[in-house]
Amino acid sequence: MQAKVQKRKECVMAGKFELYEDKAGEYRFRLKAGNGETILVGEGYKQKASAENGIASIRTNATIDARYERKTTIAGKPMFNLKASNGQVIGTSESYSSEAARENGIASVKANAPDARLDDLT
């Protein structure tokens, strides 16, 4: 039984960052969970290297709970920002249906970001 559980865990896909160029010519990234759902997005950057630095900052700060700013949208939906040590927002979540769902989103970023592979789509 233990072997089956271990094997099942190994089959779960890890998260990934997707780096891409948007229609305006800016470089952006998104963090996707193993199930393919987008869990965090970055701002637009003029230089590809700046977007790559943003990804590195996400990896560094993702496991630090104090870096998460838990907020509510104008429509009253829970969401969060991930901030760097200097207080700058480096990633933004979608809006969630509940505070519990937002906490699950934060947990997913913490679990996926540090070791997520980078898919360069540029």
PDB file of N, CA and C in Angstrom:
ATOM      1  N   MET A   1       0.830  -1.193   0.000  1.00  0.00           N
ATOM      2  CA  MET A   1       0.000   0.000   0.000  1.00  0.00           C
ATOM      3  C   MET A   1       0.874   1.256   0.000  1.00  0.00           C
ATOM      4  N   GLN A   2       1.915   1.265   0.817  1.00  0.00           N
ATOM      5  CA  GLN A   2       2.799   2.420   0.904  1.00  0.00           C
ATOM      6  C   GLN A   2       3.444   2.718  -0.453  1.00  0.00           C
ATOM      7  N   ALA A   3       3.837   1.696  -1.186  1.00  0.00           N
ATOM      8  CA  ALA A   3       4.459   1.889  -2.492  1.00  0.00           C
ATOM      9  C   ALA A   3       3.500   2.546  -3.467  1.00  0.00           C
ATOM     10  N   LYS A   4       2.230   2.175  -3.422  1.00  0.00           N
ATOM     11  CA  LYS A   4       1.240   2.782  -4.310  1.00  0.00           C
ATOM     12  C   LYS A   4       1.063   4.265  -3.999  1.00  0.00           C
ATOM     13  N   VAL A   5       1.032   4.605  -2.739  1.00  0.00           N
ATOM     14  CA  VAL A   5       0.882   6.003  -2.349  1.00  0.00           C
ATOM     15  C   VAL A   5       2.073   6.807  -2.836  1.00  0.00           C
ATOM     16  N   GLN A   6       3.278   6.293  -2.625  1.00  0.00           N
ATOM     17  CA  GLN A   6       4.483   6.985  -3.064  1.00  0.00           C
ATOM     18  C   GLN A   6       4.476   7.171  -4.572  1.00  0.00           C
ATOM     19  N   LYS A   7       4.109   6.144  -5.306  1.00  0.00           N
ATOM     20  CA  LYS A   7       4.094   6.233  -6.758  1.00  0.00           C
ATOM     21  C   LYS A   7       3.091   7.274  -7.213  1.00  0.00           C
ATOM     22  N   ARG A   8       1.945   7.330  -6.586  1.00  0.00           N
ATOM     23  CA  ARG A   8       0.918   8.294  -6.940  1.00  0.00           C
ATOM     24  C   ARG A   8       1.435   9.710  -6.725  1.00  0.00           C
ATOM     25  N   LYS A   9       2.163   9.956  -5.645  1.00  0.00           N
ATOM     26  CA  LYS A   9       2.726  11.276  -5.374  1.00  0.00           C
ATOM     27  C   LYS A   9       3.714  11.677  -6.462  1.00  0.00           C
ATOM     28  N   GLU A  10       4.505  10.746  -6.932  1.00  0.00           N
ATOM     29  CA  GLU A  10       5.501  11.041  -7.962  1.00  0.00           C
ATOM     30  C   GLU A  10       4.846  11.421  -9.279  1.00  0.00           C
ATOM     31  N   CYS A  11       3.643  10.973  -9.527  1.00  0.00           N
ATOM     32  CA  CYS A  11       2.960  11.250 -10.786  1.00  0.00           C
ATOM     33  C   CYS A  11       2.327  12.639 -10.813  1.00  0.00           C
ATOM     34  N   VAL A  12       2.165  13.268  -9.654  1.00  0.00           N
ATOM     35  CA  VAL A  12       1.561  14.589  -9.597  1.00  0.00           C
ATOM     36  C   VAL A  12       2.518  15.578 -10.253  1.00  0.00           C
ATOM     37  N   MET A  13       1.984  16.373 -11.178  1.00  0.00           N
ATOM     38  CA  MET A  13       2.822  17.330 -11.885  1.00  0.00           C
ATOM     39  C   MET A  13       3.188  18.492 -10.972  1.00  0.00           C
ATOM     40  N   ALA A  14       4.403  18.955 -11.093  1.00  0.00           N
ATOM     41  CA  ALA A  14       4.868  20.097 -10.320  1.00  0.00           C
ATOM     42  C   ALA A  14       4.401  21.387 -10.984  1.00  0.00           C
ATOM     43  N   GLY A  15       4.465  22.464 -10.232  1.00  0.00           N
ATOM     44  CA  GLY A  15       4.096  23.768 -10.780  1.00  0.00           C
ATOM     45  C   GLY A  15       5.123  24.245 -11.790  1.00  0.00           C
ATOM     46  N   LYS A  16       4.751  25.295 -12.508  1.00  0.00           N
ATOM     47  CA  LYS A  16       5.674  25.863 -13.481  1.00  0.00           C
ATOM     48  C   LYS A  16       5.404  27.346 -13.653  1.00  0.00           C
ATOM     49  N   PHE A  17       6.461  28.070 -13.980  1.00  0.00           N
ATOM     50  CA  PHE A  17       6.352  29.453 -14.401  1.00  0.00           C
ATOM     51  C   PHE A  17       6.300  29.469 -15.919  1.00  0.00           C
ATOM     52  N   GLU A  18       5.432  30.269 -16.457  1.00  0.00           N
ATOM     53  CA  GLU A  18       5.408  30.507 -17.896  1.00  0.00           C
ATOM     54  C   GLU A  18       5.823  31.956 -18.119  1.00  0.00           C
ATOM     55  N   LEU A  19       6.876  32.144 -18.890  1.00  0.00           N
ATOM     56  CA  LEU A  19       7.368  33.466 -19.252  1.00  0.00           C
ATOM     57  C   LEU A  19       6.944  33.715 -20.695  1.00  0.00           C
ATOM     58  N   TYR A  20       6.276  34.843 -20.935  1.00  0.00           N
ATOM     59  CA  TYR A  20       5.763  35.120 -22.271  1.00  0.00           C
ATOM     60  C   TYR A  20       5.804  36.617 -22.567  1.00  0.00           C
ATOM     61  N   GLU A  21       5.650  36.952 -23.838  1.00  0.00           N
ATOM     62  CA  GLU A  21       5.596  38.339 -24.263  1.00  0.00           C
ATOM     63  C   GLU A  21       4.145  38.655 -24.621  1.00  0.00           C
ATOM     64  N   ASP A  22       3.615  39.738 -24.038  1.00  0.00           N
ATOM     65  CA  ASP A  22       2.216  40.081 -24.300  1.00  0.00           C
ATOM     66  C   ASP A  22       2.077  40.892 -25.593  1.00  0.00           C
ATOM     67  N   LYS A  23       0.869  41.246 -25.941  1.00  0.00           N
ATOM     68  CA  LYS A  23       0.600  41.960 -27.203  1.00  0.00           C
ATOM     69  C   LYS A  23       1.241  43.336 -27.249  1.00  0.00           C
ATOM     70  N   ALA A  24       1.485  43.910 -26.076  1.00  0.00           N
ATOM     71  CA  ALA A  24       2.118  45.234 -26.003  1.00  0.00           C
ATOM     72  C   ALA A  24       3.641  45.152 -26.038  1.00  0.00           C
ATOM     73  N   GLY A  25       4.187  43.930 -26.143  1.00  0.00           N
ATOM     74  CA  GLY A  25       5.629  43.748 -26.200  1.00  0.00           C
ATOM     75  C   GLY A  25       6.306  43.700 -24.844  1.00  0.00           C
ATOM     76  N   GLU A  26       5.524  43.570 -23.768  1.00  0.00           N
ATOM     77  CA  GLU A  26       6.099  43.459 -22.437  1.00  0.00           C
ATOM     78  C   GLU A  26       6.239  41.987 -22.057  1.00  0.00           C
ATOM     79  N   TYR A  27       7.222  41.723 -21.202  1.00  0.00           N
ATOM     80  CA  TYR A  27       7.451  40.359 -20.724  1.00  0.00           C
ATOM     81  C   TYR A  27       6.665  40.166 -19.434  1.00  0.00           C
ATOM     82  N   ARG A  28       5.971  39.060 -19.358  1.00  0.00           N
ATOM     83  CA  ARG A  28       5.142  38.734 -18.201  1.00  0.00           C
ATOM     84  C   ARG A  28       5.381  37.283 -17.822  1.00  0.00           C
ATOM     85  N   PHE A  29       4.958  36.951 -16.606  1.00  0.00           N
ATOM     86  CA  PHE A  29       5.004  35.553 -16.187  1.00  0.00           C
ATOM     87  C   PHE A  29       3.780  35.228 -15.372  1.00  0.00           C
ATOM     88  N   ARG A  30       3.489  33.945 -15.350  1.00  0.00           N
ATOM     89  CA  ARG A  30       2.417  33.427 -14.493  1.00  0.00           C
ATOM     90  C   ARG A  30       2.927  32.135 -13.874  1.00  0.00           C
ATOM     91  N   LEU A  31       2.479  31.892 -12.644  1.00  0.00           N
ATOM     92  CA  LEU A  31       2.803  30.652 -11.953  1.00  0.00           C
ATOM     93  C   LEU A  31       1.571  29.770 -12.030  1.00  0.00           C
ATOM     94  N   LYS A  32       1.767  28.559 -12.528  1.00  0.00           N
ATOM     95  CA  LYS A  32       0.677  27.600 -12.621  1.00  0.00           C
ATOM     96  C   LYS A  32       0.935  26.438 -11.670  1.00  0.00           C
ATOM     97  N   ALA A  33      -0.132  25.992 -11.028  1.00  0.00           N
ATOM     98  CA  ALA A  33      -0.046  24.815 -10.166  1.00  0.00           C
ATOM     99  C   ALA A  33       0.071  23.572 -11.044  1.00  0.00           C
ATOM    100  N   GLY A  34       0.332  22.448 -10.416  1.00  0.00           N
ATOM    101  CA  GLY A  34       0.468  21.189 -11.136  1.00  0.00           C
ATOM    102  C   GLY A  34      -0.760  20.814 -11.950  1.00  0.00           C
ATOM    103  N   ASN A  35      -1.935  21.320 -11.543  1.00  0.00           N
ATOM    104  CA  ASN A  35      -3.169  21.021 -12.277  1.00  0.00           C
ATOM    105  C   ASN A  35      -3.401  21.981 -13.441  1.00  0.00           C
ATOM    106  N   GLY A  36      -2.454  22.898 -13.673  1.00  0.00           N
ATOM    107  CA  GLY A  36      -2.554  23.831 -14.789  1.00  0.00           C
ATOM    108  C   GLY A  36      -3.255  25.138 -14.462  1.00  0.00           C
ATOM    109  N   GLU A  37      -3.773  25.277 -13.249  1.00  0.00           N
ATOM    110  CA  GLU A  37      -4.483  26.494 -12.872  1.00  0.00           C
ATOM    111  C   GLU A  37      -3.482  27.607 -12.538  1.00  0.00           C
ATOM    112  N   THR A  38      -3.726  28.799 -13.061  1.00  0.00           N
ATOM    113  CA  THR A  38      -2.881  29.948 -12.763  1.00  0.00           C
ATOM    114  C   THR A  38      -3.140  30.387 -11.327  1.00  0.00           C
ATOM    115  N   ILE A  39      -2.068  30.506 -10.535  1.00  0.00           N
ATOM    116  CA  ILE A  39      -2.225  30.874  -9.130  1.00  0.00           C
ATOM    117  C   ILE A  39      -1.567  32.207  -8.781  1.00  0.00           C
ATOM    118  N   LEU A  40      -0.750  32.743  -9.677  1.00  0.00           N
ATOM    119  CA  LEU A  40      -0.094  34.023  -9.421  1.00  0.00           C
ATOM    120  C   LEU A  40       0.374  34.598 -10.751  1.00  0.00           C
ATOM    121  N   VAL A  41       0.252  35.912 -10.925  1.00  0.00           N
ATOM    122  CA  VAL A  41       0.732  36.568 -12.143  1.00  0.00           C
ATOM    123  C   VAL A  41       1.627  37.743 -11.767  1.00  0.00           C
ATOM    124  N   GLY A  42       2.576  38.028 -12.627  1.00  0.00           N
ATOM    125  CA  GLY A  42       3.475  39.159 -12.426  1.00  0.00           C
ATOM    126  C   GLY A  42       3.066  40.326 -13.304  1.00  0.00           C
ATOM    127  N   GLU A  43       3.661  41.477 -13.046  1.00  0.00           N
ATOM    128  CA  GLU A  43       3.408  42.668 -13.834  1.00  0.00           C
ATOM    129  C   GLU A  43       4.142  42.576 -15.166  1.00  0.00           C
ATOM    130  N   GLY A  44       3.935  43.543 -16.037  1.00  0.00           N
ATOM    131  CA  GLY A  44       4.644  43.602 -17.302  1.00  0.00           C
ATOM    132  C   GLY A  44       6.008  44.246 -17.129  1.00  0.00           C
ATOM    133  N   TYR A  45       7.016  43.707 -17.805  1.00  0.00           N
ATOM    134  CA  TYR A  45       8.377  44.228 -17.744  1.00  0.00           C
ATOM    135  C   TYR A  45       8.851  44.554 -19.163  1.00  0.00           C
ATOM    136  N   LYS A  46       9.617  45.620 -19.285  1.00  0.00           N
ATOM    137  CA  LYS A  46      10.156  46.008 -20.600  1.00  0.00           C
ATOM    138  C   LYS A  46      11.270  45.067 -21.049  1.00  0.00           C
ATOM    139  N   GLN A  47      12.042  44.551 -20.087  1.00  0.00           N
ATOM    140  CA  GLN A  47      13.173  43.680 -20.391  1.00  0.00           C
ATOM    141  C   GLN A  47      12.893  42.259 -19.903  1.00  0.00           C
ATOM    142  N   LYS A  48      13.275  41.288 -20.706  1.00  0.00           N
ATOM    143  CA  LYS A  48      13.106  39.885 -20.329  1.00  0.00           C
ATOM    144  C   LYS A  48      13.854  39.569 -19.037  1.00  0.00           C
ATOM    145  N   ALA A  49      15.059  40.109 -18.896  1.00  0.00           N
ATOM    146  CA  ALA A  49      15.859  39.847 -17.692  1.00  0.00           C
ATOM    147  C   ALA A  49      15.137  40.340 -16.433  1.00  0.00           C
ATOM    148  N   SER A  50      14.392  41.419 -16.541  1.00  0.00           N
ATOM    149  CA  SER A  50      13.646  41.933 -15.390  1.00  0.00           C
ATOM    150  C   SER A  50      12.533  40.967 -15.001  1.00  0.00           C
ATOM    151  N   ALA A  51      11.865  40.392 -15.981  1.00  0.00           N
ATOM    152  CA  ALA A  51      10.830  39.389 -15.698  1.00  0.00           C
ATOM    153  C   ALA A  51      11.453  38.154 -15.052  1.00  0.00           C
ATOM    154  N   GLU A  52      12.621  37.749 -15.530  1.00  0.00           N
ATOM    155  CA  GLU A  52      13.319  36.610 -14.934  1.00  0.00           C
ATOM    156  C   GLU A  52      13.721  36.910 -13.492  1.00  0.00           C
ATOM    157  N   ASN A  53      14.107  38.153 -13.216  1.00  0.00           N
ATOM    158  CA  ASN A  53      14.422  38.554 -11.838  1.00  0.00           C
ATOM    159  C   ASN A  53      13.154  38.512 -10.978  1.00  0.00           C
ATOM    160  N   GLY A  54      12.010  38.870 -11.553  1.00  0.00           N
ATOM    161  CA  GLY A  54      10.736  38.783 -10.839  1.00  0.00           C
ATOM    162  C   GLY A  54      10.429  37.347 -10.446  1.00  0.00           C
ATOM    163  N   ILE A  55      10.670  36.422 -11.348  1.00  0.00           N
ATOM    164  CA  ILE A  55      10.462  34.992 -11.059  1.00  0.00           C
ATOM    165  C   ILE A  55      11.389  34.549  -9.927  1.00  0.00           C
ATOM    166  N   ALA A  56      12.645  34.969  -9.989  1.00  0.00           N
ATOM    167  CA  ALA A  56      13.601  34.610  -8.932  1.00  0.00           C
ATOM    168  C   ALA A  56      13.147  35.162  -7.578  1.00  0.00           C
ATOM    169  N   SER A  57      12.597  36.360  -7.587  1.00  0.00           N
ATOM    170  CA  SER A  57      12.105  36.959  -6.352  1.00  0.00           C
ATOM    171  C   SER A  57      10.887  36.200  -5.816  1.00  0.00           C
ATOM    172  N   ILE A  58      10.021  35.745  -6.706  1.00  0.00           N
ATOM    173  CA  ILE A  58       8.875  34.923  -6.282  1.00  0.00           C
ATOM    174  C   ILE A  58       9.396  33.658  -5.595  1.00  0.00           C
ATOM    175  N   ARG A  59      10.354  32.994  -6.226  1.00  0.00           N
ATOM    176  CA  ARG A  59      10.924  31.769  -5.642  1.00  0.00           C
ATOM    177  C   ARG A  59      11.469  32.027  -4.234  1.00  0.00           C
ATOM    178  N   THR A  60      12.179  33.141  -4.068  1.00  0.00           N
ATOM    179  CA  THR A  60      12.802  33.483  -2.789  1.00  0.00           C
ATOM    180  C   THR A  60      11.779  33.802  -1.710  1.00  0.00           C
ATOM    181  N   ASN A  61      10.734  34.532  -2.066  1.00  0.00           N
ATOM    182  CA  ASN A  61       9.787  35.050  -1.079  1.00  0.00           C
ATOM    183  C   ASN A  61       8.553  34.185  -0.866  1.00  0.00           C
ATOM    184  N   ALA A  62       8.321  33.209  -1.718  1.00  0.00           N
ATOM    185  CA  ALA A  62       7.074  32.434  -1.684  1.00  0.00           C
ATOM    186  C   ALA A  62       6.821  31.713  -0.369  1.00  0.00           C
ATOM    187  N   THR A  63       7.857  31.257   0.291  1.00  0.00           N
ATOM    188  CA  THR A  63       7.658  30.467   1.514  1.00  0.00           C
ATOM    189  C   THR A  63       7.536  31.314   2.775  1.00  0.00           C
ATOM    190  N   ILE A  64       7.673  32.623   2.651  1.00  0.00           N
ATOM    191  CA  ILE A  64       7.641  33.521   3.818  1.00  0.00           C
ATOM    192  C   ILE A  64       6.235  34.099   3.968  1.00  0.00           C
ATOM    193  N   ASP A  65       5.513  33.619   4.969  1.00  0.00           N
ATOM    194  CA  ASP A  65       4.110  34.024   5.128  1.00  0.00           C
ATOM    195  C   ASP A  65       3.939  35.534   5.279  1.00  0.00           C
ATOM    196  N   ALA A  66       4.881  36.191   5.922  1.00  0.00           N
ATOM    197  CA  ALA A  66       4.777  37.640   6.134  1.00  0.00           C
ATOM    198  C   ALA A  66       4.810  38.427   4.830  1.00  0.00           C
ATOM    199  N   ARG A  67       5.246  37.809   3.743  1.00  0.00           N
ATOM    200  CA  ARG A  67       5.321  38.496   2.446  1.00  0.00           C
ATOM    201  C   ARG A  67       3.958  38.537   1.731  1.00  0.00           C
ATOM    202  N   TYR A  68       2.965  37.829   2.265  1.00  0.00           N
ATOM    203  CA  TYR A  68       1.644  37.789   1.628  1.00  0.00           C
ATOM    204  C   TYR A  68       0.752  38.883   2.207  1.00  0.00           C
ATOM    205  N   GLU A  69       0.258  39.728   1.314  1.00  0.00           N
ATOM    206  CA  GLU A  69      -0.676  40.774   1.691  1.00  0.00           C
ATOM    207  C   GLU A  69      -2.076  40.275   1.329  1.00  0.00           C
ATOM    208  N   ARG A  70      -2.860  39.964   2.343  1.00  0.00           N
ATOM    209  CA  ARG A  70      -4.212  39.465   2.138  1.00  0.00           C
ATOM    210  C   ARG A  70      -5.145  40.666   2.005  1.00  0.00           C
ATOM    211  N   LYS A  71      -5.844  40.729   0.880  1.00  0.00           N
ATOM    212  CA  LYS A  71      -6.675  41.888   0.570  1.00  0.00           C
ATOM    213  C   LYS A  71      -8.061  41.446   0.114  1.00  0.00           C
ATOM    214  N   THR A  72      -8.896  42.440  -0.127  1.00  0.00           N
ATOM    215  CA  THR A  72     -10.231  42.214  -0.678  1.00  0.00           C
ATOM    216  C   THR A  72     -10.392  43.136  -1.881  1.00  0.00           C
ATOM    217  N   THR A  73     -10.953  42.624  -2.969  1.00  0.00           N
ATOM    218  CA  THR A  73     -11.185  43.442  -4.154  1.00  0.00           C
ATOM    219  C   THR A  73     -12.308  44.437  -3.881  1.00  0.00           C
ATOM    220  N   ILE A  74     -12.496  45.377  -4.780  1.00  0.00           N
ATOM    221  CA  ILE A  74     -13.593  46.343  -4.676  1.00  0.00           C
ATOM    222  C   ILE A  74     -14.935  45.615  -4.621  1.00  0.00           C
ATOM    223  N   ALA A  75     -15.014  44.477  -5.291  1.00  0.00           N
ATOM    224  CA  ALA A  75     -16.247  43.680  -5.308  1.00  0.00           C
ATOM    225  C   ALA A  75     -16.405  42.818  -4.051  1.00  0.00           C
ATOM    226  N   GLY A  76     -15.450  42.917  -3.119  1.00  0.00           N
ATOM    227  CA  GLY A  76     -15.555  42.177  -1.863  1.00  0.00           C
ATOM    228  C   GLY A  76     -15.013  40.760  -1.896  1.00  0.00           C
ATOM    229  N   LYS A  77     -14.245  40.415  -2.927  1.00  0.00           N
ATOM    230  CA  LYS A  77     -13.682  39.066  -3.053  1.00  0.00           C
ATOM    231  C   LYS A  77     -12.266  39.029  -2.467  1.00  0.00           C
ATOM    232  N   PRO A  78     -11.941  37.983  -1.718  1.00  0.00           N
ATOM    233  CA  PRO A  78     -10.574  37.846  -1.186  1.00  0.00           C
ATOM    234  C   PRO A  78      -9.552  37.625  -2.304  1.00  0.00           C
ATOM    235  N   MET A  79      -8.357  38.192  -2.135  1.00  0.00           N
ATOM    236  CA  MET A  79      -7.230  37.995  -3.056  1.00  0.00           C
ATOM    237  C   MET A  79      -5.961  38.273  -2.269  1.00  0.00           C
ATOM    238  N   PHE A  80      -4.804  38.113  -2.901  1.00  0.00           N
ATOM    239  CA  PHE A  80      -3.549  38.418  -2.215  1.00  0.00           C
ATOM    240  C   PHE A  80      -2.500  38.915  -3.181  1.00  0.00           C
ATOM    241  N   ASN A  81      -1.550  39.640  -2.618  1.00  0.00           N
ATOM    242  CA  ASN A  81      -0.332  40.028  -3.315  1.00  0.00           C
ATOM    243  C   ASN A  81       0.827  39.371  -2.600  1.00  0.00           C
ATOM    244  N   LEU A  82       1.851  39.006  -3.351  1.00  0.00           N
ATOM    245  CA  LEU A  82       3.114  38.549  -2.782  1.00  0.00           C
ATOM    246  C   LEU A  82       4.097  39.695  -2.945  1.00  0.00           C
ATOM    247  N   LYS A  83       4.750  40.071  -1.853  1.00  0.00           N
ATOM    248  CA  LYS A  83       5.666  41.203  -1.879  1.00  0.00           C
ATOM    249  C   LYS A  83       7.101  40.758  -1.636  1.00  0.00           C
ATOM    250  N   ALA A  84       8.024  41.510  -2.211  1.00  0.00           N
ATOM    251  CA  ALA A  84       9.446  41.299  -1.963  1.00  0.00           C
ATOM    252  C   ALA A  84       9.801  41.911  -0.611  1.00  0.00           C
ATOM    253  N   SER A  85      11.031  41.701  -0.162  1.00  0.00           N
ATOM    254  CA  SER A  85      11.464  42.225   1.132  1.00  0.00           C
ATOM    255  C   SER A  85      11.420  43.752   1.181  1.00  0.00           C
ATOM    256  N   ASN A  86      11.486  44.414   0.015  1.00  0.00           N
ATOM    257  CA  ASN A  86      11.416  45.879  -0.023  1.00  0.00           C
ATOM    258  C   ASN A  86       9.979  46.397  -0.066  1.00  0.00           C
ATOM    259  N   GLY A  87       8.990  45.490  -0.011  1.00  0.00           N
ATOM    260  CA  GLY A  87       7.581  45.884  -0.005  1.00  0.00           C
ATOM    261  C   GLY A  87       6.940  45.990  -1.375  1.00  0.00           C
ATOM    262  N   GLN A  88       7.719  45.810  -2.434  1.00  0.00           N
ATOM    263  CA  GLN A  88       7.189  45.897  -3.790  1.00  0.00           C
ATOM    264  C   GLN A  88       6.389  44.638  -4.123  1.00  0.00           C
ATOM    265  N   VAL A  89       5.215  44.824  -4.744  1.00  0.00           N
ATOM    266  CA  VAL A  89       4.398  43.692  -5.172  1.00  0.00           C
ATOM    267  C   VAL A  89       5.107  42.990  -6.323  1.00  0.00           C
ATOM    268  N   ILE A  90       5.289  41.678  -6.195  1.00  0.00           N
ATOM    269  CA  ILE A  90       5.959  40.896  -7.239  1.00  0.00           C
ATOM    270  C   ILE A  90       5.022  39.872  -7.878  1.00  0.00           C
ATOM    271  N   GLY A  91       3.854  39.695  -7.294  1.00  0.00           N
ATOM    272  CA  GLY A  91       2.867  38.772  -7.859  1.00  0.00           C
ATOM    273  C   GLY A  91       1.496  39.042  -7.271  1.00  0.00           C
ATOM    274  N   THR A  92       0.473  38.809  -8.078  1.00  0.00           N
ATOM    275  CA  THR A  92      -0.909  39.047  -7.672  1.00  0.00           C
ATOM    276  C   THR A  92      -1.739  37.813  -7.997  1.00  0.00           C
ATOM    277  N   SER A  93      -2.645  37.498  -7.088  1.00  0.00           N
ATOM    278  CA  SER A  93      -3.520  36.340  -7.283  1.00  0.00           C
ATOM    279  C   SER A  93      -4.783  36.734  -8.029  1.00  0.00           C
ATOM    280  N   GLU A  94      -5.557  35.740  -8.353  1.00  0.00           N
ATOM    281  CA  GLU A  94      -6.911  35.951  -8.830  1.00  0.00           C
ATOM    282  C   GLU A  94      -7.774  36.310  -7.621  1.00  0.00           C
ATOM    283  N   SER A  95      -9.038  36.610  -7.849  1.00  0.00           N
ATOM    284  CA  SER A  95      -9.950  36.788  -6.721  1.00  0.00           C
ATOM    285  C   SER A  95     -10.563  35.432  -6.394  1.00  0.00           C
ATOM    286  N   TYR A  96     -10.871  35.237  -5.120  1.00  0.00           N
ATOM    287  CA  TYR A  96     -11.367  33.956  -4.625  1.00  0.00           C
ATOM    288  C   TYR A  96     -12.784  34.093  -4.078  1.00  0.00           C
ATOM    289  N   SER A  97     -13.450  32.971  -3.946  1.00  0.00           N
ATOM    290  CA  SER A  97     -14.831  32.945  -3.466  1.00  0.00           C
ATOM    291  C   SER A  97     -14.923  33.062  -1.952  1.00  0.00           C
ATOM    292  N   SER A  98     -13.828  32.774  -1.250  1.00  0.00           N
ATOM    293  CA  SER A  98     -13.844  32.815   0.214  1.00  0.00           C
ATOM    294  C   SER A  98     -12.431  33.026   0.733  1.00  0.00           C
ATOM    295  N   GLU A  99     -12.331  33.390   2.018  1.00  0.00           N
ATOM    296  CA  GLU A  99     -11.018  33.541   2.630  1.00  0.00           C
ATOM    297  C   GLU A  99     -10.293  32.196   2.704  1.00  0.00           C
ATOM    298  N   ALA A 100     -11.042  31.118   2.915  1.00  0.00           N
ATOM    299  CA  ALA A 100     -10.430  29.784   2.949  1.00  0.00           C
ATOM    300  C   ALA A 100      -9.831  29.433   1.590  1.00  0.00           C
ATOM    301  N   ALA A 101     -10.530  29.780   0.514  1.00  0.00           N
ATOM    302  CA  ALA A 101     -10.011  29.519  -0.835  1.00  0.00           C
ATOM    303  C   ALA A 101      -8.750  30.350  -1.083  1.00  0.00           C
ATOM    304  N   ARG A 102      -8.733  31.593  -0.585  1.00  0.00           N
ATOM    305  CA  ARG A 102      -7.534  32.434  -0.713  1.00  0.00           C
ATOM    306  C   ARG A 102      -6.362  31.780   0.024  1.00  0.00           C
ATOM    307  N   GLU A 103      -6.601  31.255   1.226  1.00  0.00           N
ATOM    308  CA  GLU A 103      -5.533  30.597   1.978  1.00  0.00           C
ATOM    309  C   GLU A 103      -5.021  29.366   1.234  1.00  0.00           C
ATOM    310  N   ASN A 104      -5.908  28.653   0.563  1.00  0.00           N
ATOM    311  CA  ASN A 104      -5.486  27.518  -0.266  1.00  0.00           C
ATOM    312  C   ASN A 104      -4.618  27.995  -1.422  1.00  0.00           C
ATOM    313  N   GLY A 105      -4.955  29.142  -2.000  1.00  0.00           N
ATOM    314  CA  GLY A 105      -4.145  29.720  -3.072  1.00  0.00           C
ATOM    315  C   GLY A 105      -2.750  30.075  -2.587  1.00  0.00           C
ATOM    316  N   ILE A 106      -2.669  30.674  -1.410  1.00  0.00           N
ATOM    317  CA  ILE A 106      -1.365  31.014  -0.819  1.00  0.00           C
ATOM    318  C   ILE A 106      -0.555  29.739  -0.568  1.00  0.00           C
ATOM    319  N   ALA A 107      -1.212  28.729  -0.023  1.00  0.00           N
ATOM    320  CA  ALA A 107      -0.525  27.456   0.234  1.00  0.00           C
ATOM    321  C   ALA A 107      -0.005  26.849  -1.067  1.00  0.00           C
ATOM    322  N   SER A 108      -0.763  27.006  -2.139  1.00  0.00           N
ATOM    323  CA  SER A 108      -0.342  26.473  -3.435  1.00  0.00           C
ATOM    324  C   SER A 108       0.886  27.218  -3.962  1.00  0.00           C
ATOM    325  N   VAL A 109       0.920  28.536  -3.802  1.00  0.00           N
ATOM    326  CA  VAL A 109       2.101  29.300  -4.221  1.00  0.00           C
ATOM    327  C   VAL A 109       3.307  28.864  -3.394  1.00  0.00           C
ATOM    328  N   LYS A 110       3.131  28.745  -2.081  1.00  0.00           N
ATOM    329  CA  LYS A 110       4.228  28.316  -1.208  1.00  0.00           C
ATOM    330  C   LYS A 110       4.775  26.956  -1.630  1.00  0.00           C
ATOM    331  N   ALA A 111       3.880  26.046  -2.011  1.00  0.00           N
ATOM    332  CA  ALA A 111       4.282  24.687  -2.378  1.00  0.00           C
ATOM    333  C   ALA A 111       4.890  24.611  -3.776  1.00  0.00           C
ATOM    334  N   ASN A 112       4.384  25.412  -4.713  1.00  0.00           N
ATOM    335  CA  ASN A 112       4.790  25.283  -6.109  1.00  0.00           C
ATOM    336  C   ASN A 112       5.946  26.178  -6.537  1.00  0.00           C
ATOM    337  N   ALA A 113       5.994  27.410  -6.042  1.00  0.00           N
ATOM    338  CA  ALA A 113       6.941  28.392  -6.572  1.00  0.00           C
ATOM    339  C   ALA A 113       8.415  28.054  -6.386  1.00  0.00           C
ATOM    340  N   PRO A 114       8.849  27.604  -5.204  1.00  0.00           N
ATOM    341  CA  PRO A 114      10.294  27.449  -5.013  1.00  0.00           C
ATOM    342  C   PRO A 114      10.983  26.528  -6.026  1.00  0.00           C
ATOM    343  N   ASP A 115      10.338  25.458  -6.427  1.00  0.00           N
ATOM    344  CA  ASP A 115      10.966  24.485  -7.325  1.00  0.00           C
ATOM    345  C   ASP A 115      10.298  24.415  -8.708  1.00  0.00           C
ATOM    346  N   ALA A 116       9.426  25.363  -8.987  1.00  0.00           N
ATOM    347  CA  ALA A 116       8.718  25.331 -10.270  1.00  0.00           C
ATOM    348  C   ALA A 116       9.697  25.509 -11.435  1.00  0.00           C
ATOM    349  N   ARG A 117       9.507  24.710 -12.461  1.00  0.00           N
ATOM    350  CA  ARG A 117      10.347  24.852 -13.650  1.00  0.00           C
ATOM    351  C   ARG A 117       9.925  26.125 -14.392  1.00  0.00           C
ATOM    352  N   LEU A 118      10.764  26.581 -15.276  1.00  0.00           N
ATOM    353  CA  LEU A 118      10.478  27.760 -16.081  1.00  0.00           C
ATOM    354  C   LEU A 118      10.272  27.334 -17.535  1.00  0.00           C
ATOM    355  N   ASP A 119       9.085  27.615 -18.052  1.00  0.00           N
ATOM    356  CA  ASP A 119       8.803  27.411 -19.474  1.00  0.00           C
ATOM    357  C   ASP A 119       8.895  28.770 -20.152  1.00  0.00           C
ATOM    358  N   ASP A 120       9.929  28.971 -20.961  1.00  0.00           N
ATOM    359  CA  ASP A 120      10.136  30.227 -21.667  1.00  0.00           C
ATOM    360  C   ASP A 120       9.357  30.146 -22.982  1.00  0.00           C
ATOM    361  N   LEU A 121       8.267  30.893 -23.075  1.00  0.00           N
ATOM    362  CA  LEU A 121       7.402  30.866 -24.254  1.00  0.00           C
ATOM    363  C   LEU A 121       7.684  32.025 -25.203  1.00  0.00           C
ATOM    364  N   THR A 122       8.788  32.767 -24.952  1.00  0.00           N
ATOM    365  CA  THR A 122       9.098  33.924 -25.790  1.00  0.00           C
ATOM    366  C   THR A 122       9.760  33.495 -27.071  1.00  0.00           C
TER     367      THR A 122
END
